[in-house]
Amino acid sequence: GGFDTRIFRFQLKGAPNELSRPLILRLFKKSSQNRAIFESAVQSAVADAGYPAPRVFFTCTDASVLEGSFMIMKLMPGQTMINMPIKNLSEMLARAHLHLHSIEVDSIRNSLEVAGIRQDKYSVEGRLGWLVEEIEAPGCEWLQLGLKWIVENRPDDPDRLVICHGDFHPFNILTQDGEVSGVLDWSNFLISDPAYDIGITNVLVTVAAPSLFTGLDWVDLINRYHDYYQRKCSVELERIEYYEAFRCLLALLEGAEGHAAWSHPETMRRLSEHFEKITSVRLTVPTNLPTS
């Protein structure tokens, strides 16, 4: 179920139509009630736009039912794309990203407004505002020079904003019969610069993944992904690198708080080094941080 939710597969007896097929229950922590509402609205809006996000049938925010809020959604067919040959994997990853970034933004924004989701919940401004509050709190002094660089160097938004998944990597993408059959985990959805989404994929694939999953040439994968994406739709490298630094800083904060995906010392070292490579700002990771 990932690092911060629990996932259950089940099937109902005697249920009508779509509810009679295998389903997924995604259970959140007690403190994550709003995430269930947010993710349900996002996935439904994106699915309505024709993208292979799991459609949500039911959302419950009463934590007394299962000790946390949850949503029940369609089970997407297929397997994660990670076992595909790198050339096929990287091109399919890029095509799926290009498809996502081609979706008409206004219809998604309108659907989220109807669902009561405020724009600051899915904008870079909102994410950056949260990051500022967190890093300016006591205990995060070692990250504050990095935050200063992020605030001072933020690029203006481009004319074209796109739908951003925010966690777009091979383990969140399912394939079947040579096609993308499902894109999972929409908790980091934003409407933003395409460079934001590409930059985050870079960090996930080249910085985080090698520490967690060995046996794959991640650099070759991301290079092939970039070649394909940029041939179809050019995005400025400087903008991409800014959002790589942005994600590194956020991940360092999450790692410092003990998030299982980021708290491994080797991952924290790689994040710090990648941030410095882009920004020339050195962030020295404290030695007394919690580990997963």
C-alpha atoms as a PDB file:
ATOM      1  CA  GLY A   1       0.000   0.000   0.000  1.00  0.00           C
ATOM      2  CA  GLY A   2       2.893   2.402  -0.351  1.00  0.00           C
ATOM      3  CA  PHE A   3       4.553   4.296   2.480  1.00  0.00           C
ATOM      4  CA  ASP A   4       1.616   6.042   4.152  1.00  0.00           C
ATOM      5  CA  THR A   5      -1.613   4.204   3.277  1.00  0.00           C
ATOM      6  CA  ARG A   6      -2.931   0.651   3.453  1.00  0.00           C
ATOM      7  CA  ILE A   7      -4.433  -0.995   0.374  1.00  0.00           C
ATOM      8  CA  PHE A   8      -6.975  -3.829   0.329  1.00  0.00           C
ATOM      9  CA  ARG A   9      -8.386  -5.729  -2.636  1.00  0.00           C
ATOM     10  CA  PHE A  10     -11.889  -7.175  -2.224  1.00  0.00           C
ATOM     11  CA  GLN A  11     -15.033  -8.127  -4.101  1.00  0.00           C
ATOM     12  CA  LEU A  12     -18.708  -7.757  -3.172  1.00  0.00           C
ATOM     13  CA  LYS A  13     -21.245 -10.526  -3.623  1.00  0.00           C
ATOM     14  CA  GLY A  14     -24.540  -9.623  -5.252  1.00  0.00           C
ATOM     15  CA  ALA A  15     -23.526  -6.016  -5.996  1.00  0.00           C
ATOM     16  CA  PRO A  16     -24.794  -4.330  -9.169  1.00  0.00           C
ATOM     17  CA  ASN A  17     -22.780  -3.420 -12.272  1.00  0.00           C
ATOM     18  CA  GLU A  18     -19.303  -1.983 -11.653  1.00  0.00           C
ATOM     19  CA  LEU A  19     -19.446  -2.696  -7.918  1.00  0.00           C
ATOM     20  CA  SER A  20     -19.558  -6.436  -8.578  1.00  0.00           C
ATOM     21  CA  ARG A  21     -16.013  -6.379 -10.001  1.00  0.00           C
ATOM     22  CA  PRO A  22     -12.819  -6.496  -7.910  1.00  0.00           C
ATOM     23  CA  LEU A  23     -12.376  -3.262  -5.982  1.00  0.00           C
ATOM     24  CA  ILE A  24      -9.638  -1.461  -4.042  1.00  0.00           C
ATOM     25  CA  LEU A  25     -10.000   0.125  -0.614  1.00  0.00           C
ATOM     26  CA  ARG A  26      -7.370   2.775   0.160  1.00  0.00           C
ATOM     27  CA  LEU A  27      -7.193   3.424   3.910  1.00  0.00           C
ATOM     28  CA  PHE A  28      -5.588   6.603   5.234  1.00  0.00           C
ATOM     29  CA  LYS A  29      -4.168   7.426   8.620  1.00  0.00           C
ATOM     30  CA  LYS A  30      -6.519   9.070  11.120  1.00  0.00           C
ATOM     31  CA  SER A  31      -4.829  12.430  10.550  1.00  0.00           C
ATOM     32  CA  SER A  32      -5.424  12.283   6.782  1.00  0.00           C
ATOM     33  CA  GLN A  33      -9.182  12.811   6.488  1.00  0.00           C
ATOM     34  CA  ASN A  34      -8.805  15.603   3.938  1.00  0.00           C
ATOM     35  CA  ARG A  35      -6.581  13.465   1.722  1.00  0.00           C
ATOM     36  CA  ALA A  36      -9.428  11.041   1.054  1.00  0.00           C
ATOM     37  CA  ILE A  37     -11.671  13.889  -0.078  1.00  0.00           C
ATOM     38  CA  PHE A  38      -8.914  15.448  -2.192  1.00  0.00           C
ATOM     39  CA  GLU A  39      -7.784  12.255  -3.897  1.00  0.00           C
ATOM     40  CA  SER A  40     -11.347  11.149  -4.607  1.00  0.00           C
ATOM     41  CA  ALA A  41     -12.139  14.438  -6.315  1.00  0.00           C
ATOM     42  CA  VAL A  42      -8.891  14.455  -8.300  1.00  0.00           C
ATOM     43  CA  GLN A  43      -9.149  10.860  -9.510  1.00  0.00           C
ATOM     44  CA  SER A  44     -12.768  11.253 -10.555  1.00  0.00           C
ATOM     45  CA  ALA A  45     -12.001  14.464 -12.468  1.00  0.00           C
ATOM     46  CA  VAL A  46      -8.999  12.960 -14.244  1.00  0.00           C
ATOM     47  CA  ALA A  47     -10.884   9.749 -15.066  1.00  0.00           C
ATOM     48  CA  ASP A  48     -13.736  11.820 -16.510  1.00  0.00           C
ATOM     49  CA  ALA A  49     -11.156  13.444 -18.795  1.00  0.00           C
ATOM     50  CA  GLY A  50     -10.323  10.033 -20.258  1.00  0.00           C
ATOM     51  CA  TYR A  51      -7.068   9.392 -18.418  1.00  0.00           C
ATOM     52  CA  PRO A  52      -6.583   5.951 -16.762  1.00  0.00           C
ATOM     53  CA  ALA A  53      -6.938   7.026 -13.138  1.00  0.00           C
ATOM     54  CA  PRO A  54      -8.935   4.712 -10.832  1.00  0.00           C
ATOM     55  CA  ARG A  55     -12.520   5.920 -10.608  1.00  0.00           C
ATOM     56  CA  VAL A  56     -13.704   6.370  -7.009  1.00  0.00           C
ATOM     57  CA  PHE A  57     -17.134   4.969  -6.105  1.00  0.00           C
ATOM     58  CA  PHE A  58     -17.327   5.821  -2.409  1.00  0.00           C
ATOM     59  CA  THR A  59     -15.458   7.998   0.108  1.00  0.00           C
ATOM     60  CA  CYS A  60     -15.815   7.794   3.882  1.00  0.00           C
ATOM     61  CA  THR A  61     -14.291  10.353   6.263  1.00  0.00           C
ATOM     62  CA  ASP A  62     -15.711   8.831   9.468  1.00  0.00           C
ATOM     63  CA  ALA A  63     -12.565   7.465  11.121  1.00  0.00           C
ATOM     64  CA  SER A  64     -14.626   5.349  13.532  1.00  0.00           C
ATOM     65  CA  VAL A  65     -15.555   2.934  10.710  1.00  0.00           C
ATOM     66  CA  LEU A  66     -12.061   1.637   9.854  1.00  0.00           C
ATOM     67  CA  GLU A  67      -9.886   3.782  12.141  1.00  0.00           C
ATOM     68  CA  GLY A  68      -9.194   6.183   9.312  1.00  0.00           C
ATOM     69  CA  SER A  69     -10.828   7.757   6.277  1.00  0.00           C
ATOM     70  CA  PHE A  70     -10.953   5.622   3.143  1.00  0.00           C
ATOM     71  CA  MET A  71     -12.097   5.446  -0.429  1.00  0.00           C
ATOM     72  CA  ILE A  72     -13.315   2.540  -2.549  1.00  0.00           C
ATOM     73  CA  MET A  73     -12.269   2.593  -6.177  1.00  0.00           C
ATOM     74  CA  LYS A  74     -11.951   0.578  -9.341  1.00  0.00           C
ATOM     75  CA  LEU A  75      -9.216  -2.050  -9.494  1.00  0.00           C
ATOM     76  CA  MET A  76      -7.071  -1.092 -12.472  1.00  0.00           C
ATOM     77  CA  PRO A  77      -5.844  -3.992 -14.620  1.00  0.00           C
ATOM     78  CA  GLY A  78      -2.222  -4.802 -15.395  1.00  0.00           C
ATOM     79  CA  GLN A  79       1.169  -4.931 -13.716  1.00  0.00           C
ATOM     80  CA  THR A  80       3.660  -2.187 -12.832  1.00  0.00           C
ATOM     81  CA  MET A  81       5.785  -1.289 -15.833  1.00  0.00           C
ATOM     82  CA  ILE A  82       9.078  -1.771 -14.007  1.00  0.00           C
ATOM     83  CA  ASN A  83       9.860  -5.159 -15.582  1.00  0.00           C
ATOM     84  CA  MET A  84       9.661  -3.889 -19.160  1.00  0.00           C
ATOM     85  CA  PRO A  85      12.841  -3.398 -21.272  1.00  0.00           C
ATOM     86  CA  ILE A  86      14.250   0.063 -20.531  1.00  0.00           C
ATOM     87  CA  LYS A  87      13.680   1.415 -24.054  1.00  0.00           C
ATOM     88  CA  ASN A  88      10.013   0.419 -24.001  1.00  0.00           C
ATOM     89  CA  LEU A  89       9.587   1.516 -20.401  1.00  0.00           C
ATOM     90  CA  SER A  90      11.114   4.965 -20.874  1.00  0.00           C
ATOM     91  CA  GLU A  91       9.136   5.751 -24.019  1.00  0.00           C
ATOM     92  CA  MET A  92       5.874   4.538 -22.501  1.00  0.00           C
ATOM     93  CA  LEU A  93       6.588   6.611 -19.385  1.00  0.00           C
ATOM     94  CA  ALA A  94       7.143   9.687 -21.552  1.00  0.00           C
ATOM     95  CA  ARG A  95       4.027   9.063 -23.670  1.00  0.00           C
ATOM     96  CA  ALA A  96       1.876   8.658 -20.576  1.00  0.00           C
ATOM     97  CA  HIS A  97       3.285  11.898 -19.174  1.00  0.00           C
ATOM     98  CA  LEU A  98       2.709  13.768 -22.420  1.00  0.00           C
ATOM     99  CA  HIS A  99      -0.878  12.466 -22.490  1.00  0.00           C
ATOM    100  CA  LEU A 100      -1.451  13.711 -18.944  1.00  0.00           C
ATOM    101  CA  HIS A 101       0.036  17.113 -19.762  1.00  0.00           C
ATOM    102  CA  SER A 102      -2.248  17.452 -22.783  1.00  0.00           C
ATOM    103  CA  ILE A 103      -5.481  17.260 -20.763  1.00  0.00           C
ATOM    104  CA  GLU A 104      -7.571  20.422 -20.809  1.00  0.00           C
ATOM    105  CA  VAL A 105      -6.977  22.118 -17.463  1.00  0.00           C
ATOM    106  CA  ASP A 106     -10.157  24.190 -17.079  1.00  0.00           C
ATOM    107  CA  SER A 107     -12.460  21.176 -16.983  1.00  0.00           C
ATOM    108  CA  ILE A 108     -10.388  19.602 -14.189  1.00  0.00           C
ATOM    109  CA  ARG A 109     -10.291  22.855 -12.259  1.00  0.00           C
ATOM    110  CA  ASN A 110     -14.064  23.242 -12.611  1.00  0.00           C
ATOM    111  CA  SER A 111     -14.659  19.698 -11.369  1.00  0.00           C
ATOM    112  CA  LEU A 112     -12.490  20.318  -8.317  1.00  0.00           C
ATOM    113  CA  GLU A 113     -14.295  23.585  -7.586  1.00  0.00           C
ATOM    114  CA  VAL A 114     -17.629  21.756  -7.651  1.00  0.00           C
ATOM    115  CA  ALA A 115     -16.158  19.218  -5.205  1.00  0.00           C
ATOM    116  CA  GLY A 116     -15.159  22.043  -2.835  1.00  0.00           C
ATOM    117  CA  ILE A 117     -11.392  21.756  -3.360  1.00  0.00           C
ATOM    118  CA  ARG A 118      -9.664  25.143  -3.035  1.00  0.00           C
ATOM    119  CA  GLN A 119      -7.062  26.115  -5.647  1.00  0.00           C
ATOM    120  CA  ASP A 120      -4.316  26.556  -3.038  1.00  0.00           C
ATOM    121  CA  LYS A 121      -4.555  22.797  -2.393  1.00  0.00           C
ATOM    122  CA  TYR A 122      -3.292  22.031  -5.889  1.00  0.00           C
ATOM    123  CA  SER A 123      -0.993  24.948  -6.750  1.00  0.00           C
ATOM    124  CA  VAL A 124       2.756  25.440  -6.391  1.00  0.00           C
ATOM    125  CA  GLU A 125       2.004  28.573  -4.375  1.00  0.00           C
ATOM    126  CA  GLY A 126       0.104  26.507  -1.837  1.00  0.00           C
ATOM    127  CA  ARG A 127       2.800  23.826  -1.705  1.00  0.00           C
ATOM    128  CA  LEU A 128       5.556  26.431  -1.342  1.00  0.00           C
ATOM    129  CA  GLY A 129       3.627  28.269   1.392  1.00  0.00           C
ATOM    130  CA  TRP A 130       3.375  25.035   3.363  1.00  0.00           C
ATOM    131  CA  LEU A 131       7.083  24.349   2.848  1.00  0.00           C
ATOM    132  CA  VAL A 132       7.999  27.813   4.143  1.00  0.00           C
ATOM    133  CA  GLU A 133       5.932  27.312   7.297  1.00  0.00           C
ATOM    134  CA  GLU A 134       7.479  23.915   7.975  1.00  0.00           C
ATOM    135  CA  ILE A 135      11.108  24.895   7.417  1.00  0.00           C
ATOM    136  CA  GLU A 136      10.857  28.154   9.363  1.00  0.00           C
ATOM    137  CA  ALA A 137       9.783  26.128  12.420  1.00  0.00           C
ATOM    138  CA  PRO A 138      12.350  25.249  15.118  1.00  0.00           C
ATOM    139  CA  GLY A 139      14.484  22.239  14.290  1.00  0.00           C
ATOM    140  CA  CYS A 140      14.733  22.889  10.556  1.00  0.00           C
ATOM    141  CA  GLU A 141      17.463  25.515  10.615  1.00  0.00           C
ATOM    142  CA  TRP A 142      19.748  23.310   8.482  1.00  0.00           C
ATOM    143  CA  LEU A 143      17.254  23.585   5.594  1.00  0.00           C
ATOM    144  CA  GLN A 144      16.715  27.351   5.705  1.00  0.00           C
ATOM    145  CA  LEU A 145      19.478  28.371   3.275  1.00  0.00           C
ATOM    146  CA  GLY A 146      17.974  25.932   0.811  1.00  0.00           C
ATOM    147  CA  LEU A 147      14.533  27.435   1.331  1.00  0.00           C
ATOM    148  CA  LYS A 148      15.956  30.914   0.730  1.00  0.00           C
ATOM    149  CA  TRP A 149      17.293  29.772  -2.655  1.00  0.00           C
ATOM    150  CA  ILE A 150      13.966  28.157  -3.600  1.00  0.00           C
ATOM    151  CA  VAL A 151      11.981  31.291  -2.723  1.00  0.00           C
ATOM    152  CA  GLU A 152      14.370  33.706  -4.439  1.00  0.00           C
ATOM    153  CA  ASN A 153      14.825  31.699  -7.640  1.00  0.00           C
ATOM    154  CA  ARG A 154      11.297  30.548  -8.365  1.00  0.00           C
ATOM    155  CA  PRO A 155      10.513  31.042 -12.072  1.00  0.00           C
ATOM    156  CA  ASP A 156       7.344  32.714 -13.265  1.00  0.00           C
ATOM    157  CA  ASP A 157       4.597  30.362 -14.375  1.00  0.00           C
ATOM    158  CA  PRO A 158       4.575  29.653 -18.124  1.00  0.00           C
ATOM    159  CA  ASP A 159       1.622  30.559 -20.293  1.00  0.00           C
ATOM    160  CA  ARG A 160       0.537  26.902 -20.371  1.00  0.00           C
ATOM    161  CA  LEU A 161      -0.178  25.117 -17.103  1.00  0.00           C
ATOM    162  CA  VAL A 162      -0.842  21.375 -17.109  1.00  0.00           C
ATOM    163  CA  ILE A 163      -2.175  18.560 -14.974  1.00  0.00           C
ATOM    164  CA  CYS A 164       0.733  17.321 -12.817  1.00  0.00           C
ATOM    165  CA  HIS A 165       0.669  13.945 -11.105  1.00  0.00           C
ATOM    166  CA  GLY A 166       3.501  14.844  -8.717  1.00  0.00           C
ATOM    167  CA  ASP A 167       4.657  11.246  -8.152  1.00  0.00           C
ATOM    168  CA  PHE A 168       5.036   9.968 -11.715  1.00  0.00           C
ATOM    169  CA  HIS A 169       7.360   6.958 -11.782  1.00  0.00           C
ATOM    170  CA  PRO A 170       7.263   3.340 -13.025  1.00  0.00           C
ATOM    171  CA  PHE A 171       5.934   1.868  -9.775  1.00  0.00           C
ATOM    172  CA  ASN A 172       2.809   4.044  -9.993  1.00  0.00           C
ATOM    173  CA  ILE A 173       2.014   3.057 -13.574  1.00  0.00           C
ATOM    174  CA  LEU A 174       0.326  -0.167 -14.690  1.00  0.00           C
ATOM    175  CA  THR A 175       0.520  -1.682 -18.158  1.00  0.00           C
ATOM    176  CA  GLN A 176      -1.421  -4.366 -19.961  1.00  0.00           C
ATOM    177  CA  ASP A 177      -0.973  -5.645 -23.543  1.00  0.00           C
ATOM    178  CA  GLY A 178       1.684  -3.025 -24.236  1.00  0.00           C
ATOM    179  CA  GLU A 179      -0.425  -0.036 -23.142  1.00  0.00           C
ATOM    180  CA  VAL A 180      -0.750   2.026 -19.969  1.00  0.00           C
ATOM    181  CA  SER A 181      -3.772   0.625 -18.139  1.00  0.00           C
ATOM    182  CA  GLY A 182      -3.663   2.601 -14.898  1.00  0.00           C
ATOM    183  CA  VAL A 183      -1.902   5.489 -13.160  1.00  0.00           C
ATOM    184  CA  LEU A 184      -2.030   5.293  -9.366  1.00  0.00           C
ATOM    185  CA  ASP A 185      -1.504   7.491  -6.291  1.00  0.00           C
ATOM    186  CA  TRP A 186      -2.738  11.017  -7.001  1.00  0.00           C
ATOM    187  CA  SER A 187      -2.003  12.498  -3.574  1.00  0.00           C
ATOM    188  CA  ASN A 188       0.573  14.973  -4.973  1.00  0.00           C
ATOM    189  CA  PHE A 189      -1.595  16.274  -7.834  1.00  0.00           C
ATOM    190  CA  LEU A 190      -1.102  19.907  -8.863  1.00  0.00           C
ATOM    191  CA  ILE A 191      -1.968  22.169 -11.764  1.00  0.00           C
ATOM    192  CA  SER A 192       1.367  23.701 -12.639  1.00  0.00           C
ATOM    193  CA  ASP A 193       4.280  24.095 -15.010  1.00  0.00           C
ATOM    194  CA  PRO A 194       5.077  20.846 -16.894  1.00  0.00           C
ATOM    195  CA  ALA A 195       8.655  21.371 -15.691  1.00  0.00           C
ATOM    196  CA  TYR A 196       7.383  20.734 -12.152  1.00  0.00           C
ATOM    197  CA  ASP A 197       6.179  17.236 -12.993  1.00  0.00           C
ATOM    198  CA  ILE A 198       9.250  16.384 -15.070  1.00  0.00           C
ATOM    199  CA  GLY A 199      11.592  17.656 -12.365  1.00  0.00           C
ATOM    200  CA  ILE A 200       9.908  15.508  -9.744  1.00  0.00           C
ATOM    201  CA  THR A 201      10.124  12.435 -11.961  1.00  0.00           C
ATOM    202  CA  ASN A 202      13.854  13.141 -12.362  1.00  0.00           C
ATOM    203  CA  VAL A 203      14.373  13.179  -8.599  1.00  0.00           C
ATOM    204  CA  LEU A 204      12.276  10.079  -8.006  1.00  0.00           C
ATOM    205  CA  VAL A 205      14.035   8.073 -10.718  1.00  0.00           C
ATOM    206  CA  THR A 206      17.651   9.228 -10.401  1.00  0.00           C
ATOM    207  CA  VAL A 207      17.962  10.181  -6.715  1.00  0.00           C
ATOM    208  CA  ALA A 208      15.458   8.125  -4.716  1.00  0.00           C
ATOM    209  CA  ALA A 209      15.021   4.937  -6.748  1.00  0.00           C
ATOM    210  CA  PRO A 210      18.695   3.829  -6.850  1.00  0.00           C
ATOM    211  CA  SER A 211      18.760   3.787  -3.036  1.00  0.00           C
ATOM    212  CA  LEU A 212      15.579   1.751  -2.792  1.00  0.00           C
ATOM    213  CA  PHE A 213      15.586  -0.496  -5.870  1.00  0.00           C
ATOM    214  CA  THR A 214      18.798  -1.892  -7.363  1.00  0.00           C
ATOM    215  CA  GLY A 215      19.312  -3.823 -10.566  1.00  0.00           C
ATOM    216  CA  LEU A 216      18.066  -1.215 -13.041  1.00  0.00           C
ATOM    217  CA  ASP A 217      19.986   1.438 -14.988  1.00  0.00           C
ATOM    218  CA  TRP A 218      17.960   4.390 -13.762  1.00  0.00           C
ATOM    219  CA  VAL A 219      20.165   6.970 -15.511  1.00  0.00           C
ATOM    220  CA  ASP A 220      19.648   5.307 -18.885  1.00  0.00           C
ATOM    221  CA  LEU A 221      15.918   5.140 -18.200  1.00  0.00           C
ATOM    222  CA  ILE A 222      15.590   8.854 -17.412  1.00  0.00           C
ATOM    223  CA  ASN A 223      17.806   9.896 -20.339  1.00  0.00           C
ATOM    224  CA  ARG A 224      15.648   7.940 -22.779  1.00  0.00           C
ATOM    225  CA  TYR A 225      12.495   9.350 -21.143  1.00  0.00           C
ATOM    226  CA  HIS A 226      13.809  12.908 -21.574  1.00  0.00           C
ATOM    227  CA  ASP A 227      14.846  12.380 -25.177  1.00  0.00           C
ATOM    228  CA  TYR A 228      11.353  11.184 -26.082  1.00  0.00           C
ATOM    229  CA  TYR A 229       9.495  13.863 -24.091  1.00  0.00           C
ATOM    230  CA  GLN A 230      11.607  16.767 -25.365  1.00  0.00           C
ATOM    231  CA  ARG A 231      11.260  15.648 -28.992  1.00  0.00           C
ATOM    232  CA  LYS A 232       7.504  15.910 -28.638  1.00  0.00           C
ATOM    233  CA  CYS A 233       7.274  18.941 -26.349  1.00  0.00           C
ATOM    234  CA  SER A 234      10.250  21.101 -25.438  1.00  0.00           C
ATOM    235  CA  VAL A 235      10.552  22.246 -21.791  1.00  0.00           C
ATOM    236  CA  GLU A 236      13.379  24.498 -20.558  1.00  0.00           C
ATOM    237  CA  LEU A 237      16.072  22.589 -18.656  1.00  0.00           C
ATOM    238  CA  GLU A 238      16.593  25.446 -16.187  1.00  0.00           C
ATOM    239  CA  ARG A 239      12.949  25.275 -15.133  1.00  0.00           C
ATOM    240  CA  ILE A 240      13.123  21.507 -14.749  1.00  0.00           C
ATOM    241  CA  GLU A 241      16.231  21.805 -12.567  1.00  0.00           C
ATOM    242  CA  TYR A 242      14.535  24.363 -10.326  1.00  0.00           C
ATOM    243  CA  TYR A 243      11.731  21.912  -9.576  1.00  0.00           C
ATOM    244  CA  GLU A 244      14.250  19.140  -9.022  1.00  0.00           C
ATOM    245  CA  ALA A 245      15.762  21.319  -6.301  1.00  0.00           C
ATOM    246  CA  PHE A 246      12.280  22.082  -4.972  1.00  0.00           C
ATOM    247  CA  ARG A 247      11.497  18.361  -4.652  1.00  0.00           C
ATOM    248  CA  CYS A 248      14.877  17.614  -3.079  1.00  0.00           C
ATOM    249  CA  LEU A 249      14.250  20.204  -0.384  1.00  0.00           C
ATOM    250  CA  LEU A 250      10.773  18.857   0.309  1.00  0.00           C
ATOM    251  CA  ALA A 251      12.121  15.294   0.414  1.00  0.00           C
ATOM    252  CA  LEU A 252      14.891  16.303   2.843  1.00  0.00           C
ATOM    253  CA  LEU A 253      12.230  17.763   5.123  1.00  0.00           C
ATOM    254  CA  GLU A 254      10.138  14.606   4.840  1.00  0.00           C
ATOM    255  CA  GLY A 255      13.178  12.442   5.459  1.00  0.00           C
ATOM    256  CA  ALA A 256      14.057  14.473   8.537  1.00  0.00           C
ATOM    257  CA  GLU A 257      10.549  13.776   9.840  1.00  0.00           C
ATOM    258  CA  GLY A 258      11.054  10.030   9.350  1.00  0.00           C
ATOM    259  CA  HIS A 259       9.152   9.432   6.093  1.00  0.00           C
ATOM    260  CA  ALA A 260      10.058   5.899   5.030  1.00  0.00           C
ATOM    261  CA  ALA A 261      10.626   6.810   1.374  1.00  0.00           C
ATOM    262  CA  TRP A 262      13.259   9.433   2.148  1.00  0.00           C
ATOM    263  CA  SER A 263      14.777   8.888   5.610  1.00  0.00           C
ATOM    264  CA  HIS A 264      17.456   6.331   4.679  1.00  0.00           C
ATOM    265  CA  PRO A 265      20.866   8.010   5.230  1.00  0.00           C
ATOM    266  CA  GLU A 266      22.046   7.153   1.703  1.00  0.00           C
ATOM    267  CA  THR A 267      18.896   8.702   0.201  1.00  0.00           C
ATOM    268  CA  MET A 268      19.288  11.840   2.323  1.00  0.00           C
ATOM    269  CA  ARG A 269      22.926  12.127   1.195  1.00  0.00           C
ATOM    270  CA  ARG A 270      21.941  11.800  -2.459  1.00  0.00           C
ATOM    271  CA  LEU A 271      19.192  14.406  -2.055  1.00  0.00           C
ATOM    272  CA  SER A 272      21.584  16.868  -0.436  1.00  0.00           C
ATOM    273  CA  GLU A 273      24.204  16.349  -3.129  1.00  0.00           C
ATOM    274  CA  HIS A 274      21.685  16.760  -5.945  1.00  0.00           C
ATOM    275  CA  PHE A 275      20.347  19.948  -4.357  1.00  0.00           C
ATOM    276  CA  GLU A 276      23.877  21.346  -4.112  1.00  0.00           C
ATOM    277  CA  LYS A 277      24.678  20.386  -7.706  1.00  0.00           C
ATOM    278  CA  ILE A 278      21.774  22.538  -8.930  1.00  0.00           C
ATOM    279  CA  THR A 279      21.882  25.413  -6.447  1.00  0.00           C
ATOM    280  CA  SER A 280      25.483  25.514  -5.138  1.00  0.00           C
ATOM    281  CA  VAL A 281      23.910  25.563  -1.661  1.00  0.00           C
ATOM    282  CA  ARG A 282      25.251  22.906   0.694  1.00  0.00           C
ATOM    283  CA  LEU A 283      22.794  21.415   3.170  1.00  0.00           C
ATOM    284  CA  THR A 284      24.497  19.337   5.850  1.00  0.00           C
ATOM    285  CA  VAL A 285      22.194  16.544   6.965  1.00  0.00           C
ATOM    286  CA  PRO A 286      22.127  16.207  10.787  1.00  0.00           C
ATOM    287  CA  THR A 287      23.352  12.889  12.143  1.00  0.00           C
ATOM    288  CA  ASN A 288      20.605  12.507  14.751  1.00  0.00           C
ATOM    289  CA  LEU A 289      17.590  12.244  12.429  1.00  0.00           C
ATOM    290  CA  PRO A 290      15.032   9.414  12.728  1.00  0.00           C
ATOM    291  CA  THR A 291      15.336   6.571  10.206  1.00  0.00           C
ATOM    292  CA  SER A 292      12.654   4.266   8.854  1.00  0.00           C
END
